[in-house]
N, C-alpha and C. Protein backbone atom coordinates (compact mmCIF):
# COMPACT_ATOMS: atom_id res chain seq x y z
N UNK A 1 -49.90 -10.59 -63.58
CA UNK A 1 -49.17 -9.32 -63.47
C UNK A 1 -49.26 -8.76 -62.06
N UNK A 2 -50.41 -8.83 -61.48
CA UNK A 2 -50.61 -8.34 -60.11
C UNK A 2 -49.80 -9.15 -59.13
N UNK A 3 -49.80 -10.48 -59.31
CA UNK A 3 -49.04 -11.34 -58.43
C UNK A 3 -47.56 -11.04 -58.53
N UNK A 4 -47.06 -10.76 -59.74
CA UNK A 4 -45.64 -10.46 -59.93
C UNK A 4 -45.25 -9.16 -59.24
N UNK A 5 -46.14 -8.15 -59.29
CA UNK A 5 -45.87 -6.88 -58.61
C UNK A 5 -45.83 -7.06 -57.10
N UNK A 6 -46.72 -7.89 -56.58
CA UNK A 6 -46.72 -8.15 -55.13
C UNK A 6 -45.41 -8.81 -54.71
N UNK A 7 -44.90 -9.76 -55.52
CA UNK A 7 -43.66 -10.45 -55.19
C UNK A 7 -42.49 -9.48 -55.17
N UNK A 8 -42.43 -8.58 -56.17
CA UNK A 8 -41.35 -7.58 -56.20
C UNK A 8 -41.43 -6.65 -55.00
N UNK A 9 -42.64 -6.27 -54.63
CA UNK A 9 -42.82 -5.37 -53.48
C UNK A 9 -42.38 -6.03 -52.20
N UNK A 10 -42.62 -7.33 -52.08
CA UNK A 10 -42.25 -8.04 -50.86
C UNK A 10 -40.74 -8.20 -50.73
N UNK A 11 -40.01 -8.11 -51.85
CA UNK A 11 -38.57 -8.29 -51.82
C UNK A 11 -37.82 -6.97 -51.82
N UNK A 12 -38.50 -5.83 -51.84
CA UNK A 12 -37.84 -4.54 -51.92
C UNK A 12 -38.30 -3.65 -50.78
N UNK A 13 -37.35 -3.06 -50.06
CA UNK A 13 -37.65 -2.18 -48.93
C UNK A 13 -36.92 -0.87 -49.15
N UNK A 14 -37.63 0.22 -49.00
CA UNK A 14 -37.01 1.53 -49.19
C UNK A 14 -36.12 1.84 -48.01
N UNK A 15 -34.87 2.23 -48.24
CA UNK A 15 -33.93 2.56 -47.17
C UNK A 15 -34.11 4.01 -46.77
N UNK A 16 -33.70 4.36 -45.51
CA UNK A 16 -33.81 5.75 -45.06
C UNK A 16 -32.97 6.70 -45.88
N UNK A 17 -31.84 6.18 -46.44
CA UNK A 17 -30.96 7.06 -47.20
C UNK A 17 -31.44 7.15 -48.64
N UNK A 18 -31.54 8.37 -49.17
CA UNK A 18 -32.03 8.57 -50.53
C UNK A 18 -31.08 7.92 -51.54
N UNK A 19 -31.68 7.26 -52.50
CA UNK A 19 -30.90 6.66 -53.57
C UNK A 19 -30.40 5.27 -53.27
N UNK A 20 -30.69 4.73 -52.06
CA UNK A 20 -30.23 3.39 -51.70
C UNK A 20 -31.44 2.53 -51.43
N UNK A 21 -31.49 1.37 -52.04
CA UNK A 21 -32.59 0.44 -51.86
C UNK A 21 -32.04 -0.86 -51.30
N UNK A 22 -32.59 -1.30 -50.12
CA UNK A 22 -32.16 -2.53 -49.47
C UNK A 22 -33.15 -3.64 -49.81
N UNK A 23 -32.64 -4.74 -50.28
CA UNK A 23 -33.48 -5.90 -50.55
C UNK A 23 -33.43 -6.84 -49.37
N UNK A 24 -34.30 -7.82 -49.37
CA UNK A 24 -34.31 -8.82 -48.30
C UNK A 24 -32.97 -9.53 -48.23
N UNK A 25 -32.37 -9.82 -49.38
CA UNK A 25 -31.08 -10.50 -49.40
C UNK A 25 -30.01 -9.64 -48.75
N UNK A 26 -30.04 -8.29 -49.01
CA UNK A 26 -29.07 -7.41 -48.38
C UNK A 26 -29.16 -7.45 -46.87
N UNK A 27 -30.39 -7.39 -46.34
CA UNK A 27 -30.59 -7.38 -44.89
C UNK A 27 -30.11 -8.67 -44.27
N UNK A 28 -30.38 -9.79 -44.93
CA UNK A 28 -29.96 -11.08 -44.38
C UNK A 28 -28.44 -11.16 -44.37
N UNK A 29 -27.79 -10.66 -45.42
CA UNK A 29 -26.34 -10.72 -45.51
C UNK A 29 -25.67 -9.83 -44.46
N UNK A 30 -26.29 -8.68 -44.19
CA UNK A 30 -25.69 -7.75 -43.24
C UNK A 30 -26.02 -8.07 -41.79
N UNK A 31 -26.92 -8.94 -41.50
CA UNK A 31 -27.32 -9.27 -40.13
C UNK A 31 -26.16 -9.75 -39.28
N UNK A 32 -25.29 -10.63 -39.75
CA UNK A 32 -24.17 -11.08 -38.91
C UNK A 32 -23.29 -9.94 -38.42
N UNK A 33 -23.09 -8.88 -39.20
CA UNK A 33 -22.28 -7.74 -38.77
C UNK A 33 -22.91 -7.06 -37.56
N UNK A 34 -24.22 -6.84 -37.60
CA UNK A 34 -24.91 -6.24 -36.45
C UNK A 34 -24.80 -7.16 -35.24
N UNK A 35 -24.91 -8.45 -35.50
CA UNK A 35 -24.87 -9.41 -34.40
C UNK A 35 -23.49 -9.41 -33.74
N UNK A 36 -22.43 -9.36 -34.57
CA UNK A 36 -21.08 -9.35 -34.02
C UNK A 36 -20.84 -8.07 -33.22
N UNK A 37 -21.33 -6.95 -33.72
CA UNK A 37 -21.17 -5.69 -33.01
C UNK A 37 -21.88 -5.73 -31.66
N UNK A 38 -23.06 -6.30 -31.64
CA UNK A 38 -23.84 -6.39 -30.41
C UNK A 38 -23.13 -7.29 -29.40
N UNK A 39 -22.61 -8.41 -29.89
CA UNK A 39 -21.92 -9.33 -28.99
C UNK A 39 -20.67 -8.69 -28.39
N UNK A 40 -19.89 -7.96 -29.21
CA UNK A 40 -18.69 -7.29 -28.72
C UNK A 40 -19.03 -6.25 -27.66
N UNK A 41 -20.09 -5.49 -27.92
CA UNK A 41 -20.51 -4.47 -26.94
C UNK A 41 -20.97 -5.13 -25.66
N UNK A 42 -21.62 -6.28 -25.77
CA UNK A 42 -22.09 -6.99 -24.58
C UNK A 42 -20.92 -7.48 -23.74
N UNK A 43 -19.86 -7.98 -24.38
CA UNK A 43 -18.69 -8.46 -23.66
C UNK A 43 -18.02 -7.33 -22.90
N UNK A 44 -17.89 -6.17 -23.56
CA UNK A 44 -17.28 -5.01 -22.91
C UNK A 44 -18.12 -4.56 -21.72
N UNK A 45 -19.42 -4.55 -21.88
CA UNK A 45 -20.31 -4.13 -20.80
C UNK A 45 -20.23 -5.07 -19.63
N UNK A 46 -20.22 -6.37 -19.87
CA UNK A 46 -20.13 -7.36 -18.79
C UNK A 46 -18.81 -7.24 -18.06
N UNK A 47 -17.70 -7.05 -18.80
CA UNK A 47 -16.39 -6.91 -18.17
C UNK A 47 -16.33 -5.66 -17.31
N UNK A 48 -16.93 -4.58 -17.79
CA UNK A 48 -16.93 -3.33 -17.02
C UNK A 48 -17.74 -3.48 -15.74
N UNK A 49 -18.89 -4.15 -15.84
CA UNK A 49 -19.71 -4.36 -14.65
C UNK A 49 -19.01 -5.27 -13.66
N UNK A 50 -18.30 -6.28 -14.14
CA UNK A 50 -17.58 -7.20 -13.25
C UNK A 50 -16.47 -6.46 -12.51
N UNK A 51 -15.75 -5.58 -13.22
CA UNK A 51 -14.68 -4.82 -12.57
C UNK A 51 -15.25 -3.86 -11.54
N UNK A 52 -16.40 -3.26 -11.85
CA UNK A 52 -17.00 -2.31 -10.91
C UNK A 52 -17.52 -3.00 -9.66
N UNK A 53 -17.96 -4.26 -9.82
CA UNK A 53 -18.54 -4.98 -8.68
C UNK A 53 -17.48 -5.75 -7.89
N UNK A 54 -16.23 -5.80 -8.38
CA UNK A 54 -15.19 -6.54 -7.68
C UNK A 54 -14.89 -5.91 -6.33
N UNK A 55 -14.81 -6.72 -5.31
CA UNK A 55 -14.56 -6.22 -3.96
C UNK A 55 -13.10 -5.78 -3.83
N UNK A 56 -12.82 -4.57 -3.33
CA UNK A 56 -11.44 -4.11 -3.17
C UNK A 56 -10.68 -4.99 -2.19
N UNK A 57 -9.40 -5.20 -2.47
CA UNK A 57 -8.55 -6.01 -1.61
C UNK A 57 -7.62 -5.11 -0.80
N UNK A 58 -7.39 -5.48 0.46
CA UNK A 58 -6.49 -4.71 1.32
C UNK A 58 -5.05 -4.89 0.84
N UNK A 59 -4.26 -3.84 0.81
CA UNK A 59 -2.85 -3.95 0.42
C UNK A 59 -2.07 -4.82 1.40
N UNK A 60 -0.96 -5.35 0.94
CA UNK A 60 -0.07 -6.14 1.79
C UNK A 60 1.09 -5.26 2.24
N UNK A 61 1.39 -5.33 3.55
CA UNK A 61 2.44 -4.49 4.14
C UNK A 61 3.52 -5.40 4.71
N UNK A 62 4.76 -5.23 4.22
CA UNK A 62 5.89 -6.04 4.68
C UNK A 62 6.95 -5.13 5.28
N UNK A 63 7.28 -5.28 6.59
CA UNK A 63 8.32 -4.46 7.20
C UNK A 63 9.70 -4.81 6.62
N UNK A 64 10.49 -3.79 6.32
CA UNK A 64 11.86 -3.99 5.84
C UNK A 64 12.86 -3.84 6.98
N UNK A 65 12.94 -2.62 7.53
CA UNK A 65 13.87 -2.36 8.61
C UNK A 65 13.54 -1.01 9.25
N UNK A 66 14.15 -0.76 10.40
CA UNK A 66 14.05 0.54 11.05
C UNK A 66 15.46 0.99 11.37
N UNK A 67 15.76 2.25 11.09
CA UNK A 67 17.09 2.81 11.32
C UNK A 67 16.97 4.02 12.23
N UNK A 68 17.72 4.01 13.35
CA UNK A 68 17.74 5.17 14.24
C UNK A 68 18.71 6.19 13.66
N UNK A 69 18.20 7.36 13.32
CA UNK A 69 19.02 8.39 12.70
C UNK A 69 19.54 9.41 13.70
N UNK A 70 18.88 9.52 14.85
CA UNK A 70 19.31 10.48 15.87
C UNK A 70 18.78 10.07 17.23
N UNK A 71 19.63 10.21 18.24
CA UNK A 71 19.23 9.95 19.63
C UNK A 71 19.71 11.11 20.47
N UNK A 72 18.79 11.79 21.14
CA UNK A 72 19.13 12.95 21.95
C UNK A 72 18.50 12.89 23.32
N UNK A 73 18.74 13.89 24.14
CA UNK A 73 18.21 13.90 25.50
C UNK A 73 16.69 14.05 25.57
N UNK A 74 16.07 14.47 24.49
CA UNK A 74 14.62 14.67 24.52
C UNK A 74 13.86 13.80 23.52
N UNK A 75 14.55 12.87 22.91
CA UNK A 75 13.83 12.02 21.97
C UNK A 75 14.75 11.32 20.98
N UNK A 76 14.13 10.68 20.01
CA UNK A 76 14.88 9.94 18.99
C UNK A 76 14.15 10.03 17.66
N UNK A 77 14.95 9.95 16.59
CA UNK A 77 14.40 9.98 15.24
C UNK A 77 14.74 8.66 14.55
N UNK A 78 13.79 8.19 13.75
CA UNK A 78 13.94 6.92 13.05
C UNK A 78 13.48 7.08 11.61
N UNK A 79 13.89 6.12 10.80
CA UNK A 79 13.33 5.96 9.46
C UNK A 79 12.79 4.54 9.38
N UNK A 80 11.48 4.44 9.20
CA UNK A 80 10.82 3.14 9.11
C UNK A 80 10.63 2.79 7.64
N UNK A 81 11.13 1.63 7.25
CA UNK A 81 11.06 1.22 5.85
C UNK A 81 10.12 0.03 5.71
N UNK A 82 9.12 0.21 4.84
CA UNK A 82 8.09 -0.79 4.62
C UNK A 82 7.87 -0.97 3.12
N UNK A 83 7.39 -2.15 2.74
CA UNK A 83 7.01 -2.42 1.35
C UNK A 83 5.50 -2.62 1.31
N UNK A 84 4.81 -1.80 0.52
CA UNK A 84 3.35 -1.86 0.42
C UNK A 84 2.96 -2.28 -0.99
N UNK A 85 2.20 -3.39 -1.09
CA UNK A 85 1.75 -3.90 -2.38
C UNK A 85 0.26 -3.66 -2.54
N UNK A 86 -0.11 -2.94 -3.59
CA UNK A 86 -1.51 -2.67 -3.90
C UNK A 86 -1.97 -3.66 -4.97
N UNK A 87 -2.81 -4.66 -4.61
CA UNK A 87 -3.23 -5.68 -5.59
C UNK A 87 -4.41 -5.26 -6.45
N UNK A 88 -4.94 -4.09 -6.22
CA UNK A 88 -6.15 -3.64 -6.91
C UNK A 88 -5.82 -3.02 -8.27
N UNK A 89 -6.85 -2.88 -9.08
CA UNK A 89 -6.71 -2.27 -10.40
C UNK A 89 -6.85 -0.76 -10.34
N UNK A 90 -6.91 -0.20 -9.16
CA UNK A 90 -7.01 1.25 -8.99
C UNK A 90 -6.01 1.70 -7.94
N UNK A 91 -5.61 2.96 -7.99
CA UNK A 91 -4.58 3.49 -7.10
C UNK A 91 -5.14 3.75 -5.71
N UNK A 92 -4.24 3.67 -4.71
CA UNK A 92 -4.56 3.99 -3.33
C UNK A 92 -3.48 4.94 -2.80
N UNK A 93 -3.61 5.32 -1.53
CA UNK A 93 -2.58 6.15 -0.91
C UNK A 93 -2.46 5.80 0.56
N UNK A 94 -1.21 5.81 1.05
CA UNK A 94 -0.95 5.67 2.48
C UNK A 94 -1.03 7.07 3.08
N UNK A 95 -2.04 7.28 3.91
CA UNK A 95 -2.35 8.65 4.36
C UNK A 95 -1.66 9.04 5.66
N UNK A 96 -1.54 8.11 6.61
CA UNK A 96 -0.95 8.44 7.91
C UNK A 96 -0.32 7.20 8.53
N UNK A 97 0.60 7.43 9.47
CA UNK A 97 1.33 6.36 10.14
C UNK A 97 1.25 6.56 11.65
N UNK A 98 1.00 5.48 12.35
CA UNK A 98 1.01 5.51 13.82
C UNK A 98 2.18 4.66 14.29
N UNK A 99 3.05 5.22 15.15
CA UNK A 99 4.25 4.52 15.61
C UNK A 99 4.32 4.54 17.13
N UNK A 100 4.57 3.37 17.72
CA UNK A 100 4.69 3.20 19.17
C UNK A 100 6.04 2.57 19.46
N UNK A 101 6.85 3.21 20.33
CA UNK A 101 8.23 2.77 20.59
C UNK A 101 8.40 2.27 22.01
N UNK A 102 9.00 1.08 22.14
CA UNK A 102 9.38 0.53 23.45
C UNK A 102 10.82 0.01 23.36
N UNK A 103 11.55 0.14 24.49
CA UNK A 103 12.90 -0.40 24.59
C UNK A 103 12.90 -1.63 25.49
N UNK A 104 13.75 -2.58 25.15
CA UNK A 104 14.02 -3.76 25.97
C UNK A 104 12.74 -4.48 26.40
N UNK A 105 11.94 -4.86 25.42
CA UNK A 105 10.75 -5.65 25.70
C UNK A 105 9.67 -4.93 26.49
N UNK A 106 9.67 -3.61 26.43
CA UNK A 106 8.63 -2.85 27.11
C UNK A 106 9.05 -2.28 28.46
N UNK A 107 10.31 -2.48 28.87
CA UNK A 107 10.76 -1.92 30.15
C UNK A 107 10.72 -0.38 30.13
N UNK A 108 10.96 0.18 28.96
CA UNK A 108 10.83 1.63 28.79
C UNK A 108 9.87 1.86 27.64
N UNK A 109 8.73 2.45 27.96
CA UNK A 109 7.70 2.74 26.96
C UNK A 109 7.80 4.23 26.61
N UNK A 110 8.30 4.52 25.43
CA UNK A 110 8.51 5.91 25.04
C UNK A 110 7.19 6.61 24.72
N UNK A 111 6.29 5.91 24.04
CA UNK A 111 5.00 6.51 23.71
C UNK A 111 4.66 6.31 22.24
N UNK A 112 3.67 7.08 21.79
CA UNK A 112 3.12 6.92 20.44
C UNK A 112 3.10 8.27 19.73
N UNK A 113 3.31 8.23 18.43
CA UNK A 113 3.26 9.44 17.62
C UNK A 113 2.52 9.12 16.33
N UNK A 114 1.81 10.11 15.80
CA UNK A 114 1.11 9.98 14.52
C UNK A 114 1.79 10.88 13.48
N UNK A 115 2.07 10.30 12.34
CA UNK A 115 2.77 11.03 11.27
C UNK A 115 1.86 11.07 10.04
N UNK A 116 1.61 12.26 9.53
CA UNK A 116 0.77 12.42 8.34
C UNK A 116 1.67 12.69 7.13
N UNK A 117 2.28 11.64 6.64
CA UNK A 117 3.12 11.73 5.45
C UNK A 117 2.50 10.88 4.35
N UNK A 118 1.84 11.48 3.37
CA UNK A 118 1.15 10.69 2.34
C UNK A 118 2.12 10.05 1.34
N UNK A 119 1.79 8.84 0.92
CA UNK A 119 2.54 8.12 -0.11
C UNK A 119 1.54 7.56 -1.12
N UNK A 120 1.83 7.71 -2.40
CA UNK A 120 0.98 7.15 -3.44
C UNK A 120 1.27 5.65 -3.61
N UNK A 121 0.20 4.86 -3.78
CA UNK A 121 0.31 3.42 -4.01
C UNK A 121 -0.34 3.10 -5.35
N UNK A 122 0.42 3.09 -6.43
CA UNK A 122 -0.15 2.81 -7.76
C UNK A 122 -0.77 1.42 -7.83
N UNK A 123 -1.67 1.24 -8.78
CA UNK A 123 -2.36 -0.04 -8.95
C UNK A 123 -1.40 -1.16 -9.33
N UNK A 124 -1.63 -2.34 -8.74
CA UNK A 124 -0.88 -3.56 -9.08
C UNK A 124 0.63 -3.35 -9.00
N UNK A 125 1.08 -2.65 -7.97
CA UNK A 125 2.50 -2.32 -7.83
C UNK A 125 2.93 -2.39 -6.37
N UNK A 126 4.20 -2.77 -6.13
CA UNK A 126 4.79 -2.73 -4.80
C UNK A 126 5.60 -1.45 -4.66
N UNK A 127 5.31 -0.67 -3.62
CA UNK A 127 5.96 0.61 -3.39
C UNK A 127 6.77 0.56 -2.11
N UNK A 128 8.02 0.99 -2.18
CA UNK A 128 8.89 1.04 -1.00
C UNK A 128 8.63 2.36 -0.25
N UNK A 129 8.26 2.24 1.02
CA UNK A 129 7.98 3.41 1.86
C UNK A 129 9.14 3.66 2.81
N UNK A 130 9.56 4.91 2.92
CA UNK A 130 10.62 5.32 3.84
C UNK A 130 10.07 6.47 4.66
N UNK A 131 9.63 6.15 5.88
CA UNK A 131 8.86 7.10 6.68
C UNK A 131 9.73 7.67 7.82
N UNK A 132 9.95 8.98 7.86
CA UNK A 132 10.67 9.58 8.99
C UNK A 132 9.75 9.76 10.19
N UNK A 133 10.23 9.32 11.36
CA UNK A 133 9.42 9.39 12.59
C UNK A 133 10.30 9.94 13.71
N UNK A 134 9.77 10.89 14.47
CA UNK A 134 10.47 11.43 15.64
C UNK A 134 9.57 11.29 16.86
N UNK A 135 10.11 10.66 17.91
CA UNK A 135 9.38 10.49 19.16
C UNK A 135 10.10 11.26 20.26
N UNK A 136 9.35 12.00 21.05
CA UNK A 136 9.91 12.80 22.13
C UNK A 136 9.64 12.15 23.48
N UNK A 137 10.64 12.19 24.36
CA UNK A 137 10.44 11.71 25.73
C UNK A 137 11.56 12.28 26.61
N UNK A 138 11.39 12.17 27.91
CA UNK A 138 12.35 12.72 28.86
C UNK A 138 13.03 11.61 29.65
N UNK A 139 13.04 10.39 29.14
CA UNK A 139 13.55 9.25 29.91
C UNK A 139 14.88 8.73 29.44
N UNK A 140 15.73 9.59 28.87
CA UNK A 140 17.01 9.10 28.37
C UNK A 140 17.92 8.64 29.52
N UNK A 141 17.78 9.22 30.73
CA UNK A 141 18.60 8.77 31.86
C UNK A 141 18.21 7.35 32.29
N UNK A 142 16.91 7.02 32.21
CA UNK A 142 16.49 5.66 32.50
C UNK A 142 17.06 4.69 31.47
N UNK A 143 17.17 5.16 30.24
CA UNK A 143 17.77 4.35 29.20
C UNK A 143 19.26 4.17 29.46
N UNK A 144 19.91 5.18 30.02
CA UNK A 144 21.33 5.09 30.36
C UNK A 144 21.54 4.06 31.46
N UNK A 145 20.65 4.03 32.45
CA UNK A 145 20.74 3.03 33.52
C UNK A 145 20.63 1.63 32.95
N UNK A 146 19.72 1.47 32.01
CA UNK A 146 19.55 0.17 31.36
C UNK A 146 20.78 -0.19 30.53
N UNK A 147 21.39 0.81 29.90
CA UNK A 147 22.56 0.57 29.07
C UNK A 147 23.77 0.15 29.89
N UNK A 148 23.81 0.53 31.18
CA UNK A 148 24.93 0.13 32.04
C UNK A 148 24.91 -1.37 32.32
N UNK A 149 23.77 -2.02 32.05
CA UNK A 149 23.63 -3.44 32.36
C UNK A 149 23.84 -4.34 31.14
N UNK A 150 23.73 -3.81 29.96
CA UNK A 150 23.90 -4.60 28.74
C UNK A 150 24.45 -3.73 27.62
N UNK A 151 25.28 -4.29 26.76
CA UNK A 151 25.93 -3.49 25.72
C UNK A 151 25.00 -3.02 24.61
N UNK A 152 23.93 -3.76 24.37
CA UNK A 152 23.01 -3.41 23.28
C UNK A 152 21.58 -3.48 23.82
N UNK A 153 20.80 -2.45 23.55
CA UNK A 153 19.41 -2.39 23.99
C UNK A 153 18.49 -2.55 22.78
N UNK A 154 17.67 -3.61 22.75
CA UNK A 154 16.75 -3.76 21.63
C UNK A 154 15.53 -2.84 21.77
N UNK A 155 14.95 -2.50 20.65
CA UNK A 155 13.71 -1.72 20.67
C UNK A 155 12.79 -2.21 19.56
N UNK A 156 11.51 -1.91 19.73
CA UNK A 156 10.50 -2.30 18.75
C UNK A 156 9.60 -1.09 18.48
N UNK A 157 9.34 -0.85 17.21
CA UNK A 157 8.35 0.15 16.80
C UNK A 157 7.22 -0.59 16.10
N UNK A 158 6.02 -0.45 16.64
CA UNK A 158 4.86 -1.05 15.98
C UNK A 158 3.78 0.01 15.83
N UNK A 159 2.79 -0.30 15.02
CA UNK A 159 1.72 0.67 14.80
C UNK A 159 0.87 0.26 13.61
N UNK A 160 0.30 1.25 12.96
CA UNK A 160 -0.58 1.00 11.81
C UNK A 160 -0.32 2.05 10.73
N UNK A 161 -0.64 1.65 9.50
CA UNK A 161 -0.60 2.56 8.35
C UNK A 161 -2.01 2.66 7.80
N UNK A 162 -2.53 3.87 7.73
CA UNK A 162 -3.87 4.07 7.17
C UNK A 162 -3.77 4.19 5.66
N UNK A 163 -4.44 3.26 4.97
CA UNK A 163 -4.45 3.24 3.51
C UNK A 163 -5.87 3.45 3.03
N UNK A 164 -6.05 4.33 2.06
CA UNK A 164 -7.41 4.61 1.60
C UNK A 164 -7.48 5.05 0.17
N UNK A 165 -8.73 5.12 -0.31
CA UNK A 165 -9.04 5.56 -1.65
C UNK A 165 -10.54 5.75 -1.75
N UNK A 166 -11.07 5.82 -2.97
CA UNK A 166 -12.50 6.03 -3.14
C UNK A 166 -13.32 4.85 -2.65
N UNK A 167 -12.75 3.63 -2.76
CA UNK A 167 -13.53 2.44 -2.45
C UNK A 167 -12.96 1.63 -1.30
N UNK A 168 -11.92 2.14 -0.62
CA UNK A 168 -11.28 1.36 0.43
C UNK A 168 -10.65 2.28 1.46
N UNK A 169 -10.79 1.92 2.74
CA UNK A 169 -10.12 2.63 3.82
C UNK A 169 -9.84 1.63 4.93
N UNK A 170 -8.55 1.39 5.22
CA UNK A 170 -8.19 0.34 6.15
C UNK A 170 -6.91 0.72 6.88
N UNK A 171 -6.77 0.25 8.14
CA UNK A 171 -5.55 0.42 8.93
C UNK A 171 -4.77 -0.89 8.92
N UNK A 172 -3.55 -0.87 8.38
CA UNK A 172 -2.72 -2.06 8.26
C UNK A 172 -1.67 -2.07 9.37
N UNK A 173 -1.57 -3.15 10.16
CA UNK A 173 -0.58 -3.21 11.25
C UNK A 173 0.82 -3.54 10.73
N UNK A 174 1.84 -3.11 11.49
CA UNK A 174 3.22 -3.44 11.18
C UNK A 174 4.02 -3.48 12.47
N UNK A 175 5.21 -4.09 12.42
CA UNK A 175 6.11 -4.12 13.57
C UNK A 175 7.53 -4.31 13.05
N UNK A 176 8.46 -3.44 13.49
CA UNK A 176 9.86 -3.54 13.08
C UNK A 176 10.73 -3.43 14.33
N UNK A 177 11.89 -4.11 14.30
CA UNK A 177 12.77 -4.15 15.47
C UNK A 177 14.15 -3.62 15.12
N UNK A 178 14.80 -3.03 16.12
CA UNK A 178 16.17 -2.54 15.95
C UNK A 178 16.88 -2.57 17.29
N UNK A 179 18.04 -1.92 17.37
CA UNK A 179 18.80 -1.89 18.63
C UNK A 179 19.65 -0.63 18.68
N UNK A 180 20.03 -0.25 19.90
CA UNK A 180 20.87 0.92 20.12
C UNK A 180 21.99 0.51 21.08
N UNK A 181 23.18 1.07 20.90
CA UNK A 181 24.34 0.66 21.69
C UNK A 181 24.53 1.54 22.92
N UNK A 182 25.38 1.05 23.84
CA UNK A 182 25.72 1.82 25.04
C UNK A 182 26.31 3.18 24.66
N UNK A 183 27.20 3.19 23.70
CA UNK A 183 27.87 4.44 23.31
C UNK A 183 26.87 5.47 22.84
N UNK A 184 25.89 5.07 22.06
CA UNK A 184 24.87 6.01 21.58
C UNK A 184 24.05 6.57 22.74
N UNK A 185 23.69 5.71 23.66
CA UNK A 185 22.86 6.14 24.80
C UNK A 185 23.64 7.08 25.71
N UNK A 186 24.90 6.74 26.03
CA UNK A 186 25.69 7.57 26.94
C UNK A 186 25.99 8.92 26.29
N UNK A 187 26.22 8.93 25.00
CA UNK A 187 26.46 10.20 24.31
C UNK A 187 25.23 11.10 24.39
N UNK A 188 24.04 10.52 24.20
CA UNK A 188 22.81 11.30 24.29
C UNK A 188 22.60 11.82 25.71
N UNK A 189 22.94 11.00 26.70
CA UNK A 189 22.77 11.42 28.10
C UNK A 189 23.70 12.58 28.43
N UNK A 190 24.96 12.47 28.05
CA UNK A 190 25.92 13.55 28.34
C UNK A 190 25.53 14.83 27.61
N UNK A 191 24.98 14.70 26.41
CA UNK A 191 24.54 15.88 25.67
C UNK A 191 23.43 16.60 26.44
N UNK A 192 22.57 15.84 27.08
CA UNK A 192 21.49 16.43 27.86
C UNK A 192 22.02 17.17 29.08
N UNK A 193 23.00 16.59 29.77
CA UNK A 193 23.57 17.23 30.96
C UNK A 193 24.35 18.49 30.59
N UNK A 194 24.97 18.50 29.44
CA UNK A 194 25.76 19.67 29.06
C UNK A 194 24.89 20.88 28.80
N UNK A 195 23.61 20.66 28.59
CA UNK A 195 22.70 21.78 28.35
C UNK A 195 22.06 22.30 29.63
N UNK A 196 22.33 21.66 30.78
CA UNK A 196 21.74 22.09 32.05
C UNK A 196 22.78 22.88 32.83
N UNK A 197 22.52 24.17 33.14
CA UNK A 197 23.50 24.99 33.86
C UNK A 197 23.84 24.37 35.22
N UNK A 198 25.14 24.29 35.55
CA UNK A 198 25.59 23.80 36.84
C UNK A 198 25.73 22.30 36.91
N UNK A 199 25.32 21.56 35.88
CA UNK A 199 25.40 20.10 35.93
C UNK A 199 26.42 19.55 34.93
N UNK A 200 27.23 20.42 34.36
CA UNK A 200 28.16 19.94 33.35
C UNK A 200 29.17 18.95 33.92
N UNK A 201 29.46 19.04 35.24
CA UNK A 201 30.49 18.16 35.82
C UNK A 201 29.93 16.92 36.47
N UNK A 202 28.65 16.63 36.28
CA UNK A 202 28.04 15.47 36.94
C UNK A 202 28.04 14.22 36.07
N UNK A 203 28.72 14.28 34.94
CA UNK A 203 28.71 13.11 34.06
C UNK A 203 29.27 11.88 34.73
N UNK A 204 30.22 12.03 35.70
CA UNK A 204 30.80 10.88 36.36
C UNK A 204 29.83 10.16 37.28
N UNK A 205 28.73 10.80 37.66
CA UNK A 205 27.74 10.17 38.53
C UNK A 205 26.81 9.25 37.76
N UNK A 206 26.82 9.32 36.44
CA UNK A 206 25.94 8.48 35.65
C UNK A 206 26.47 7.06 35.59
N UNK A 207 25.60 6.07 35.43
CA UNK A 207 26.05 4.69 35.28
C UNK A 207 27.02 4.58 34.11
N UNK A 208 28.14 3.90 34.32
CA UNK A 208 29.15 3.77 33.29
C UNK A 208 28.92 2.51 32.46
N UNK A 209 29.27 2.55 31.18
CA UNK A 209 29.10 1.37 30.33
C UNK A 209 29.94 0.21 30.81
N UNK A 210 29.50 -0.98 30.55
CA UNK A 210 30.27 -2.18 30.89
C UNK A 210 31.55 -2.21 30.08
N UNK A 211 32.64 -2.71 30.68
CA UNK A 211 33.89 -2.81 29.92
C UNK A 211 33.75 -3.80 28.79
N UNK A 212 34.43 -3.53 27.69
CA UNK A 212 34.37 -4.43 26.55
C UNK A 212 35.06 -5.74 26.89
N UNK A 213 34.50 -6.85 26.43
CA UNK A 213 35.14 -8.15 26.69
C UNK A 213 36.50 -8.23 26.01
N UNK A 214 37.47 -8.84 26.69
CA UNK A 214 38.82 -8.98 26.14
C UNK A 214 38.84 -10.05 25.04
């Protein structure tokens, strides 16, 4: 009788919840459920740690085009179009743009300007950027002299785009090319002279555009 009571006691365990009794068989049967839950939690934890430890990747910047929107006696305005791809699983932002303008392979160096126009770069997405840039200079007459020698003057705008976030901050280089015609340059030059008192009639002294080929 004593041995039988010991056997029953060894097979019965009081559960924390009143009115429920867990036997050894119950615990063995329920063990796989706890094990599956633990394994699932472990997988989620490992994946989270792997994502947190992943090194951020620099976005890819592809120049599209540059369009001159205005040319005047004191400067020029452009729209620089770029495609920025964020390969990361978190969002970034393009915070500022640096633009440096030269005409005809560097014969006329207009200078550099910094533009603080923020753009959002969502995760795992390519974003088209359209950045307005205005550069000021007083060398439009030198550009007119150059225009008298060739019908089209090429120009290049290069610089960097600062891209950043909580885990990344990098300057990405870019370079885009365009051109301006004699007519645009001469119009800007004459506009400048018309604003100077007493010089309105000196337009004929400026270098004249080359005649169009027959």
